[in-house]
Amino acid sequence: MYVLRPLYVVLALVGVILIARAFIVPKDFGTHESGYMYGWYRKSNEGEWKALKAKYQGKEYCRDCHAEQDQQVSSFRHNMIECENCHGPALEHPTAPPKLTLDRSRELCLRCHTYLPYPTSQRSTIKGIDADQHNPGAECVGCHNPHQATKPQ
């Protein structure tokens, strides 16, 4: 008898949750025809996402006007990093803004060049620094050219 009361409470709670879910979650919410490729989303929301302008354009977009810089970067270690990671999103570039905002902050470099002790982080394959010991407070680009990462400025 003492075991059945908590069981009834749990079953009632599950029932309330399922009934509330039926009223709260939209009918078109799910994985749809693509399965889990795009995860869970509202089918009626697809038009809103298609109308949204892409904030980041990718290297191909930059390469059209900046072929020389792209060629230079392609032969160095940072070649796999998208231009917009450092130069900012090219949403309306080249018209507005005519020049992208360059992030010269130390924190930007430390996103990859700080040691992480996790076995799956693969940070041990990236040359890193001890941020507390290596020129604390200074911008990395003051000494290092990010396009030619192995060469000092």
Protein backbone atom coordinates (compact mmCIF):
# COMPACT_ATOMS: atom_id res chain seq x y z
CA MET A 1 0.00 0.00 0.00
CA TYR A 2 2.81 2.44 0.86
CA VAL A 3 4.48 1.70 -2.46
CA LEU A 4 1.36 2.40 -4.51
CA ARG A 5 0.81 5.99 -3.27
CA PRO A 6 4.14 7.33 -4.61
CA LEU A 7 3.55 5.36 -7.81
CA TYR A 8 0.15 7.06 -8.27
CA VAL A 9 1.74 10.46 -7.65
CA VAL A 10 4.43 9.79 -10.26
CA LEU A 11 1.86 8.52 -12.80
CA ALA A 12 -0.33 11.58 -12.16
CA LEU A 13 2.67 13.88 -12.62
CA VAL A 14 3.61 12.20 -15.91
CA GLY A 15 -0.02 12.52 -17.04
CA VAL A 16 -0.10 16.24 -16.21
CA ILE A 17 3.18 16.78 -18.09
CA LEU A 18 1.91 14.96 -21.19
CA ILE A 19 -1.37 16.88 -21.18
CA ALA A 20 0.46 20.21 -20.71
CA ARG A 21 2.87 19.28 -23.52
CA ALA A 22 -0.06 18.70 -25.89
CA PHE A 23 -1.24 22.28 -25.30
CA ILE A 24 2.16 24.03 -25.18
CA VAL A 25 4.24 22.39 -27.93
CA PRO A 26 3.17 23.41 -31.47
CA LYS A 27 1.76 20.64 -33.67
CA ASP A 28 4.42 21.17 -36.36
CA PHE A 29 7.36 20.82 -33.94
CA GLY A 30 9.57 17.81 -34.71
CA THR A 31 12.35 16.43 -36.90
CA HIS A 32 10.28 16.24 -40.13
CA GLU A 33 11.39 14.66 -43.42
CA SER A 34 15.13 15.24 -42.93
CA GLY A 35 15.18 13.27 -39.70
CA TYR A 36 17.66 14.53 -37.14
CA MET A 37 19.81 16.38 -39.71
CA TYR A 38 18.46 19.76 -38.60
CA GLY A 39 17.35 18.66 -35.13
CA TRP A 40 14.02 19.65 -33.66
CA TYR A 41 12.31 22.69 -35.17
CA ARG A 42 8.92 24.17 -36.13
CA LYS A 43 8.07 23.42 -39.75
CA SER A 44 6.07 26.68 -39.98
CA ASN A 45 9.21 28.60 -38.98
CA GLU A 46 11.24 27.64 -42.08
CA GLY A 47 10.24 30.77 -43.99
CA GLU A 48 11.55 33.02 -41.22
CA TRP A 49 14.94 31.27 -41.28
CA LYS A 50 15.17 31.42 -45.08
CA ALA A 51 14.50 35.16 -45.00
CA LEU A 52 17.26 35.74 -42.44
CA LYS A 53 20.43 37.10 -44.04
CA ALA A 54 23.56 35.06 -43.48
CA LYS A 55 25.81 36.93 -41.08
CA TYR A 56 28.98 35.06 -42.05
CA GLN A 57 29.85 34.65 -45.72
CA GLY A 58 32.86 32.30 -45.68
CA LYS A 59 36.31 32.39 -47.27
CA GLU A 60 34.96 32.12 -50.81
CA TYR A 61 33.21 35.46 -50.39
CA CYS A 62 36.44 37.13 -49.18
CA ARG A 63 38.57 35.48 -51.85
CA ASP A 64 36.87 37.37 -54.71
CA CYS A 65 38.35 40.72 -53.65
CA HIS A 66 41.21 39.63 -51.39
CA ALA A 67 42.87 36.92 -53.50
CA GLU A 68 46.40 38.03 -52.58
CA GLN A 69 45.71 37.82 -48.83
CA ASP A 70 43.93 34.49 -49.30
CA GLN A 71 46.92 33.10 -51.17
CA GLN A 72 49.26 34.34 -48.43
CA VAL A 73 47.19 32.80 -45.63
CA SER A 74 46.65 29.50 -47.46
CA SER A 75 50.31 28.54 -47.06
CA PHE A 76 50.40 29.09 -43.27
CA ARG A 77 49.01 27.34 -40.22
CA HIS A 78 45.95 29.55 -39.85
CA ASN A 79 44.68 28.53 -43.31
CA MET A 80 41.78 26.54 -41.87
CA ILE A 81 40.40 29.50 -39.92
CA GLU A 82 37.67 31.51 -41.61
CA CYS A 83 38.59 35.16 -42.29
CA GLU A 84 35.55 36.40 -40.39
CA ASN A 85 36.71 34.79 -37.15
CA CYS A 86 39.18 37.69 -36.81
CA HIS A 87 37.86 40.28 -39.25
CA GLY A 88 34.22 40.13 -38.15
CA PRO A 89 31.07 39.13 -40.06
CA ALA A 90 30.84 40.27 -43.68
CA LEU A 91 27.04 40.61 -43.58
CA GLU A 92 26.83 43.84 -45.63
CA HIS A 93 30.49 44.12 -46.72
CA PRO A 94 31.84 45.73 -48.95
CA THR A 95 29.16 48.45 -48.95
CA ALA A 96 28.31 48.85 -45.27
CA PRO A 97 30.71 48.73 -43.55
CA PRO A 98 33.36 49.49 -46.16
CA LYS A 99 35.99 47.98 -43.88
CA LEU A 100 35.43 45.15 -41.41
CA THR A 101 36.23 45.55 -37.73
CA LEU A 102 39.39 43.64 -36.88
CA ASP A 103 39.46 41.92 -33.50
CA ARG A 104 43.02 42.41 -32.26
CA SER A 105 42.25 41.24 -28.72
CA ARG A 106 44.42 38.78 -26.84
CA GLU A 107 41.28 36.82 -25.94
CA LEU A 108 40.66 36.01 -29.60
CA CYS A 109 44.02 34.25 -29.90
CA LEU A 110 43.66 32.57 -26.53
CA ARG A 111 40.47 30.83 -27.67
CA CYS A 112 42.74 28.34 -29.44
CA HIS A 113 46.18 28.94 -27.97
CA THR A 114 45.43 28.23 -24.30
CA TYR A 115 46.07 24.77 -22.93
CA LEU A 116 42.95 22.76 -22.09
CA PRO A 117 43.53 19.63 -19.99
CA TYR A 118 40.71 17.63 -21.60
CA PRO A 119 41.80 14.55 -23.58
CA THR A 120 39.26 15.25 -26.35
CA SER A 121 40.11 18.95 -26.75
CA GLN A 122 42.98 18.27 -29.22
CA ARG A 123 44.55 21.53 -28.01
CA SER A 124 47.82 19.67 -27.50
CA THR A 125 48.22 19.67 -31.29
CA ILE A 126 48.05 23.50 -31.38
CA LYS A 127 51.03 25.53 -30.24
CA GLY A 128 49.89 27.17 -27.04
CA ILE A 129 51.11 29.56 -24.38
CA ASP A 130 50.78 30.01 -20.66
CA ALA A 131 48.69 33.18 -20.81
CA ASP A 132 49.67 34.21 -17.28
CA GLN A 133 53.40 34.05 -18.07
CA HIS A 134 53.69 35.01 -21.76
CA ASN A 135 53.42 38.82 -22.05
CA PRO A 136 50.29 39.16 -19.89
CA GLY A 137 48.11 42.09 -20.92
CA ALA A 138 49.75 42.54 -24.32
CA GLU A 139 47.97 41.98 -27.63
CA CYS A 140 49.37 38.97 -29.49
CA VAL A 141 49.36 40.86 -32.80
CA GLY A 142 51.89 43.31 -31.35
CA CYS A 143 54.54 40.59 -31.73
CA HIS A 144 52.95 37.97 -34.00
CA ASN A 145 51.54 38.31 -37.51
CA PRO A 146 48.33 36.23 -37.49
CA HIS A 147 48.54 35.66 -41.27
CA GLN A 148 52.04 34.21 -40.86
CA ALA A 149 51.58 32.76 -37.40
CA THR A 150 55.09 31.35 -37.03
CA LYS A 151 56.81 34.65 -37.87
CA PRO A 152 57.09 37.55 -35.40
CA GLN A 153 56.09 41.02 -36.63
